[in-house]
Structure formats: structure tokens, C-alpha cells
């Protein structure tokens, strides 16, 4: 074997891998000291900046303009595969099991819209009753709701909060209808998954969870509403929404879910052969 053939043979037995480097570790340590110095002292920050700069420069030199590599010799290993069994075991054939799509039936979008609008009326009724019994004005809760986005309503005096303002009324109506509609659509999609006692879960437990979450963040979102809200009436209005919206949704007729159907069928396109014979036979019966 000549010298050239020997070198080619050695090259074929070697694999070139990226060379090990310590610069990424130095860079990470430098960044750690850089941010830790913001809480301790300036000297720690300067040391972290110096280590970070050194780590960047050293790491870049290992990559640019050419990556540092090291040759690793390959050592092939002969693996003999054998068995002491005389008979090959075979698995019995099992019929294909189709994936179960749950829920089997769901409510259409219109059911969620109807439930959201009905729940909005129930919630508005409880809010207006609270305003009438507490301060003697039906416009008090409406102006408080509009104060979440309308800055002028936050400047109103307590007496002005009890009077009618057209802009505040329009803003509160839009916020109330949009929020109630979105929650109604959520109820239409959620209630089919609650097999047992959907009204208890969707009409009582879910409003309590939502009210507790809103109680923790309302002081940041709307301080005026947080300082003047009566949480007992608020929870009662949320429960009224959940119960009324849930009852309206449950009274609507369900439709069969079509997630497992081909896209052409879900899109309403007639495609020959898209339905198997088994499905046709079940429909015919």
C-alpha cells in the first residue's frame, strides 16, 4: 500500500467534529455576573461585562472564519444478531380501532349566541336592581362599567354617576353585549363536555371561579369599579348569567360533530367515494 492510499484509508476511518470550547461557559457566567451586579455592586457588573466580551470574542474566533474541528477515529464494531428461538411468534390480527371523537354531539354557534344574549339580559337586570336598591339609580352600574374604558366617566362625581350619560350608556352596552356573546359561545362549546350537571358546573362553579379571578385583578384594571362594586350582587349577576345562558343553550338542538369527517364533507362538497360502505350501510339502516 502506497503512502497516498494509507492517508486516504486513515481519513476514511476518521470523523471531523466541532472542537470542544470553554467560551460559551465563560459567556454564560459573564451574563450572570452582569445582571447580578444590578442588585449588588458596580464592580460585579464590570467583571461580568468583561467576561461576556471575552466569551463573545473567543467563541467567534472558534467559529469564524473557519470552524475549529477535531478528528475522531472511528472504530467499527461487528454486532452479530442471533436468537435461540426455533419458532417465530406472530401477533394475532386485530380489527382496526377507530379513534373516538368526543363529544359526539355539540351545539351550533347560534345556540351560544342565544345563550349569551339571554344571559346578558339576566345580568343587566340584576345590575340595575342593585343600582336601584343601593343608590336609587339604574344608571349607576352602567356608568361604572363604562369607566373601565371611558376616562371621562372616571371624573364624574358620585351624584353624576347616578344620572344618564349617552356616551357612557353606549360604551357600557357595547362592552356588555360583546363580553356576553363571547362567553355565550364558550358555553355552547363547553356544555357538551360536561356530561353530568352542566348547569351546576357552567352556571355556578364557573361564575364563582371567574368572580374570584376578577376580584384579584380588578383593582389594577378598574380602580373606580373596584372601590364601588358590591361583590355579593356581582357574584349573583354572574350566577344569573351562567344559569340563564346554560338553560338557553341546553334547550337548543344538538348537531353531530364532524371533526373525523374528511375536509370535503365538512366543507359541503360532494365527493364520490368519500363515505365508506360501512358508513353508507349504517345510514341506510
Protein backbone atom coordinates (compact mmCIF):
# COMPACT_ATOMS: atom_id res chain seq x y z
CA UNK A 1 0.00 0.00 0.00
CA UNK A 2 1.44 3.38 -1.02
CA UNK A 3 1.62 6.48 1.16
CA UNK A 4 -1.33 8.14 -0.59
CA UNK A 5 -3.54 5.08 -0.18
CA UNK A 6 -2.58 4.87 3.52
CA UNK A 7 -3.55 8.51 4.13
CA UNK A 8 -6.87 8.05 2.33
CA UNK A 9 -7.56 4.95 4.42
CA UNK A 10 -6.85 6.85 7.65
CA UNK A 11 -9.06 9.73 6.52
CA UNK A 12 -11.90 7.31 5.87
CA UNK A 13 -11.57 5.99 9.43
CA UNK A 14 -11.87 9.48 10.98
CA UNK A 15 -14.84 11.79 11.61
CA UNK A 16 -14.41 15.54 11.94
CA UNK A 17 -16.42 17.02 14.82
CA UNK A 18 -16.56 20.55 16.26
CA UNK A 19 -13.69 21.09 18.69
CA UNK A 20 -14.59 21.49 22.37
CA UNK A 21 -14.52 25.06 23.68
CA UNK A 22 -14.97 26.73 27.05
CA UNK A 23 -16.05 30.14 25.73
CA UNK A 24 -19.84 29.51 25.92
CA UNK A 25 -19.47 28.73 29.62
CA UNK A 26 -17.49 31.93 30.16
CA UNK A 27 -20.10 33.92 28.24
CA UNK A 28 -22.94 32.50 30.35
CA UNK A 29 -21.04 33.22 33.56
CA UNK A 30 -20.34 36.75 32.38
CA UNK A 31 -24.02 37.41 31.68
CA UNK A 32 -24.89 36.06 35.12
CA UNK A 33 -22.49 38.46 36.81
CA UNK A 34 -23.63 41.28 34.55
CA UNK A 35 -27.24 41.05 35.75
CA UNK A 36 -26.31 40.11 39.31
CA UNK A 37 -24.33 43.32 39.56
CA UNK A 38 -27.53 45.32 39.11
CA UNK A 39 -28.56 44.10 42.55
CA UNK A 40 -25.13 44.06 44.23
CA UNK A 41 -22.41 46.47 43.09
CA UNK A 42 -20.92 48.11 40.01
CA UNK A 43 -17.70 46.07 40.26
CA UNK A 44 -19.62 42.83 39.73
CA UNK A 45 -21.30 44.35 36.68
CA UNK A 46 -17.94 45.43 35.21
CA UNK A 47 -16.48 41.98 35.78
CA UNK A 48 -19.49 40.38 34.12
CA UNK A 49 -19.21 42.75 31.15
CA UNK A 50 -15.53 41.91 30.72
CA UNK A 51 -16.19 38.15 30.86
CA UNK A 52 -19.11 38.48 28.45
CA UNK A 53 -16.98 40.40 25.97
CA UNK A 54 -14.17 37.88 26.26
CA UNK A 55 -16.59 35.00 25.83
CA UNK A 56 -18.08 36.54 22.67
CA UNK A 57 -14.69 37.23 21.11
CA UNK A 58 -13.31 33.79 21.97
CA UNK A 59 -16.42 31.98 20.75
CA UNK A 60 -16.45 33.94 17.48
CA UNK A 61 -12.81 33.05 16.85
CA UNK A 62 -13.68 29.36 17.21
CA UNK A 63 -16.36 29.71 14.51
CA UNK A 64 -15.23 32.46 12.12
CA UNK A 65 -13.81 32.48 9.53
CA UNK A 66 -13.47 28.69 9.79
CA UNK A 67 -14.88 26.40 12.41
CA UNK A 68 -12.38 24.62 14.64
CA UNK A 69 -12.66 20.88 14.26
CA UNK A 70 -11.09 17.79 15.73
CA UNK A 71 -10.62 14.37 14.13
CA UNK A 72 -12.16 11.43 15.96
CA UNK A 73 -11.18 7.95 14.88
CA UNK A 74 -14.00 5.59 14.09
CA UNK A 75 -13.87 2.11 15.49
CA UNK A 76 -16.42 -0.08 13.73
CA UNK A 77 -17.92 -2.85 15.79
CA UNK A 78 -19.28 -6.06 14.37
CA UNK A 79 -22.60 -6.88 16.00
CA UNK A 80 -23.95 -10.36 15.48
CA UNK A 81 -27.72 -10.64 15.79
CA UNK A 82 -28.99 -14.06 16.71
CA UNK A 83 -31.73 -15.83 18.61
CA UNK A 84 -32.15 -19.10 20.39
CA UNK A 85 -35.81 -19.47 19.46
CA UNK A 86 -36.82 -22.07 16.94
CA UNK A 87 -40.33 -20.70 16.24
CA UNK A 88 -41.19 -17.13 15.32
CA UNK A 89 -44.06 -15.74 17.34
CA UNK A 90 -46.74 -13.86 15.44
CA UNK A 91 -49.25 -11.37 16.76
CA UNK A 92 -52.91 -12.13 16.08
CA UNK A 93 -54.64 -9.82 13.62
CA UNK A 94 -56.97 -7.33 15.28
CA UNK A 95 -59.56 -5.21 13.54
CA UNK A 96 -58.65 -1.58 13.17
CA UNK A 97 -59.96 0.50 16.05
CA UNK A 98 -61.24 3.92 15.06
CA UNK A 99 -60.38 6.90 17.22
CA UNK A 100 -63.22 8.13 19.42
CA UNK A 101 -64.22 11.77 18.88
CA UNK A 102 -65.79 13.31 21.96
CA UNK A 103 -68.25 14.87 22.36
CA UNK A 104 -70.32 13.04 19.77
CA UNK A 105 -72.78 15.94 19.56
CA UNK A 106 -72.36 19.65 20.13
CA UNK A 107 -74.38 22.83 19.88
CA UNK A 108 -74.34 25.11 16.85
CA UNK A 109 -72.95 28.63 17.01
CA UNK A 110 -76.46 30.07 17.12
CA UNK A 111 -77.08 28.30 20.45
CA UNK A 112 -74.12 30.09 22.03
CA UNK A 113 -75.28 33.44 20.64
CA UNK A 114 -78.80 32.96 22.01
CA UNK A 115 -77.46 31.87 25.39
CA UNK A 116 -75.08 34.83 25.58
CA UNK A 117 -77.82 37.35 24.77
CA UNK A 118 -80.24 35.79 27.25
CA UNK A 119 -77.56 35.78 29.94
CA UNK A 120 -76.76 39.41 29.16
CA UNK A 121 -80.38 40.38 29.88
CA UNK A 122 -80.34 38.46 33.18
CA UNK A 123 -77.04 40.03 34.26
CA UNK A 124 -78.21 43.53 33.31
CA UNK A 125 -81.41 43.00 35.30
CA UNK A 126 -79.52 42.10 38.47
CA UNK A 127 -77.08 45.00 37.97
CA UNK A 128 -79.91 47.52 37.55
CA UNK A 129 -81.73 46.14 40.61
CA UNK A 130 -78.52 46.58 42.60
CA UNK A 131 -78.18 50.18 41.41
CA UNK A 132 -81.79 50.98 42.25
CA UNK A 133 -81.65 49.42 45.73
CA UNK A 134 -78.22 50.78 46.70
CA UNK A 135 -78.23 54.37 45.39
CA UNK A 136 -81.68 54.69 43.83
CA UNK A 137 -80.45 54.90 40.22
CA UNK A 138 -80.50 52.42 37.34
CA UNK A 139 -77.62 54.26 35.62
CA UNK A 140 -75.12 53.77 38.45
CA UNK A 141 -73.80 50.29 37.37
CA UNK A 142 -73.83 51.36 33.71
CA UNK A 143 -71.58 54.35 34.40
CA UNK A 144 -69.26 52.18 36.48
CA UNK A 145 -68.89 49.68 33.64
CA UNK A 146 -68.17 52.44 31.13
CA UNK A 147 -65.49 53.83 33.46
CA UNK A 148 -63.24 50.88 32.57
CA UNK A 149 -62.52 52.37 29.12
CA UNK A 150 -64.03 55.87 29.14
CA UNK A 151 -61.78 58.25 31.04
CA UNK A 152 -64.41 61.00 31.31
CA UNK A 153 -66.71 58.77 33.33
CA UNK A 154 -63.94 58.29 35.90
CA UNK A 155 -64.06 62.05 36.60
CA UNK A 156 -67.77 62.05 37.42
CA UNK A 157 -68.85 62.90 40.92
CA UNK A 158 -70.94 60.42 42.96
CA UNK A 159 -74.08 62.36 42.11
CA UNK A 160 -73.25 62.40 38.39
CA UNK A 161 -72.69 58.64 38.42
CA UNK A 162 -76.39 58.26 39.17
CA UNK A 163 -77.53 60.24 36.10
CA UNK A 164 -77.85 59.21 32.46
CA UNK A 165 -74.95 59.84 30.05
CA UNK A 166 -75.41 58.80 26.43
CA UNK A 167 -71.73 58.06 25.70
CA UNK A 168 -71.33 56.01 28.88
CA UNK A 169 -74.51 54.11 28.07
CA UNK A 170 -73.34 53.24 24.54
CA UNK A 171 -69.89 52.15 25.75
CA UNK A 172 -71.33 50.01 28.54
CA UNK A 173 -73.87 48.43 26.16
CA UNK A 174 -71.18 47.51 23.64
CA UNK A 175 -68.90 46.08 26.32
CA UNK A 176 -71.74 44.11 27.90
CA UNK A 177 -73.03 42.66 24.62
CA UNK A 178 -69.59 41.74 23.26
CA UNK A 179 -68.48 40.10 26.50
CA UNK A 180 -71.76 38.23 26.95
CA UNK A 181 -71.70 36.99 23.36
CA UNK A 182 -68.16 35.65 23.67
CA UNK A 183 -68.95 33.91 26.96
CA UNK A 184 -72.13 32.50 25.42
CA UNK A 185 -70.13 30.98 22.57
CA UNK A 186 -67.80 29.49 25.17
CA UNK A 187 -70.77 27.97 26.99
CA UNK A 188 -72.07 26.46 23.75
CA UNK A 189 -68.73 24.73 23.20
CA UNK A 190 -68.17 23.81 26.86
CA UNK A 191 -71.53 22.41 27.99
CA UNK A 192 -71.44 19.28 25.75
CA UNK A 193 -68.20 18.28 27.51
CA UNK A 194 -69.86 18.47 30.94
CA UNK A 195 -71.74 15.19 30.90
CA UNK A 196 -73.16 15.45 34.41
CA UNK A 197 -74.87 18.50 35.87
CA UNK A 198 -73.82 21.04 33.22
CA UNK A 199 -75.84 23.82 34.88
CA UNK A 200 -74.10 23.30 38.22
CA UNK A 201 -70.66 23.43 36.63
CA UNK A 202 -71.34 26.07 33.99
CA UNK A 203 -73.85 28.14 35.94
CA UNK A 204 -72.45 28.07 39.47
CA UNK A 205 -68.85 26.87 39.67
CA UNK A 206 -67.56 28.71 36.57
CA UNK A 207 -69.03 32.12 37.65
CA UNK A 208 -67.54 31.69 41.13
CA UNK A 209 -64.10 30.97 39.66
CA UNK A 210 -64.40 33.91 37.28
CA UNK A 211 -65.53 36.23 40.08
CA UNK A 212 -62.61 35.18 42.29
CA UNK A 213 -60.14 35.80 39.47
CA UNK A 214 -61.66 39.20 38.74
CA UNK A 215 -61.56 40.10 42.43
CA UNK A 216 -57.76 39.77 42.46
CA UNK A 217 -57.08 41.94 39.37
CA UNK A 218 -59.95 44.45 39.34
CA UNK A 219 -58.00 46.92 41.48
CA UNK A 220 -55.42 47.21 38.70
CA UNK A 221 -57.82 47.15 35.75
CA UNK A 222 -60.54 49.48 37.05
CA UNK A 223 -59.85 51.08 40.46
CA UNK A 224 -63.12 53.05 40.39
CA UNK A 225 -65.19 49.93 39.84
CA UNK A 226 -63.18 48.02 42.46
CA UNK A 227 -63.83 50.68 45.11
CA UNK A 228 -67.58 50.90 44.47
CA UNK A 229 -68.59 47.36 43.45
CA UNK A 230 -70.71 45.21 45.75
CA UNK A 231 -69.28 41.71 45.38
CA UNK A 232 -72.39 39.95 46.62
CA UNK A 233 -74.53 41.44 43.87
CA UNK A 234 -71.72 40.97 41.35
CA UNK A 235 -71.49 37.23 42.07
CA UNK A 236 -75.30 36.97 41.94
CA UNK A 237 -75.36 38.61 38.50
CA UNK A 238 -72.62 36.29 37.24
CA UNK A 239 -74.53 33.24 38.51
CA UNK A 240 -77.71 34.56 36.86
CA UNK A 241 -75.86 34.86 33.58
CA UNK A 242 -74.43 31.35 33.85
CA UNK A 243 -77.73 29.70 34.76
CA UNK A 244 -79.82 31.54 32.15
CA UNK A 245 -77.23 31.12 29.38
CA UNK A 246 -76.81 27.44 30.24
CA UNK A 247 -80.56 26.77 30.21
CA UNK A 248 -81.00 28.52 26.86
CA UNK A 249 -78.10 26.60 25.32
CA UNK A 250 -79.35 23.25 26.65
CA UNK A 251 -82.77 23.83 25.07
CA UNK A 252 -81.23 24.08 21.60
CA UNK A 253 -80.97 21.03 19.37
CA UNK A 254 -77.55 19.45 19.04
CA UNK A 255 -75.67 18.64 15.85
CA UNK A 256 -73.30 15.74 15.23
CA UNK A 257 -69.63 16.64 15.44
CA UNK A 258 -67.81 16.26 12.14
CA UNK A 259 -64.15 16.53 13.16
CA UNK A 260 -63.44 13.00 11.98
CA UNK A 261 -65.13 13.54 8.62
CA UNK A 262 -62.99 14.41 5.56
CA UNK A 263 -62.50 18.07 4.78
CA UNK A 264 -64.57 17.80 1.60
CA UNK A 265 -67.59 16.58 3.53
CA UNK A 266 -67.17 19.23 6.24
CA UNK A 267 -66.96 21.89 3.53
CA UNK A 268 -70.17 20.63 1.90
CA UNK A 269 -68.52 19.32 -1.27
CA UNK A 270 -69.96 16.17 -2.78
CA UNK A 271 -67.07 13.80 -3.45
CA UNK A 272 -67.82 10.28 -4.75
CA UNK A 273 -66.22 7.59 -2.60
CA UNK A 274 -65.64 9.85 0.40
CA UNK A 275 -68.03 7.76 2.53
CA UNK A 276 -67.14 4.13 3.08
CA UNK A 277 -69.58 1.29 2.51
CA UNK A 278 -69.81 0.69 6.22
CA UNK A 279 -70.96 4.26 6.84
CA UNK A 280 -73.48 4.00 3.99
CA UNK A 281 -74.90 0.83 5.42
CA UNK A 282 -75.31 2.38 8.87
CA UNK A 283 -77.04 5.40 7.35
CA UNK A 284 -79.34 3.22 5.29
CA UNK A 285 -80.48 1.33 8.36
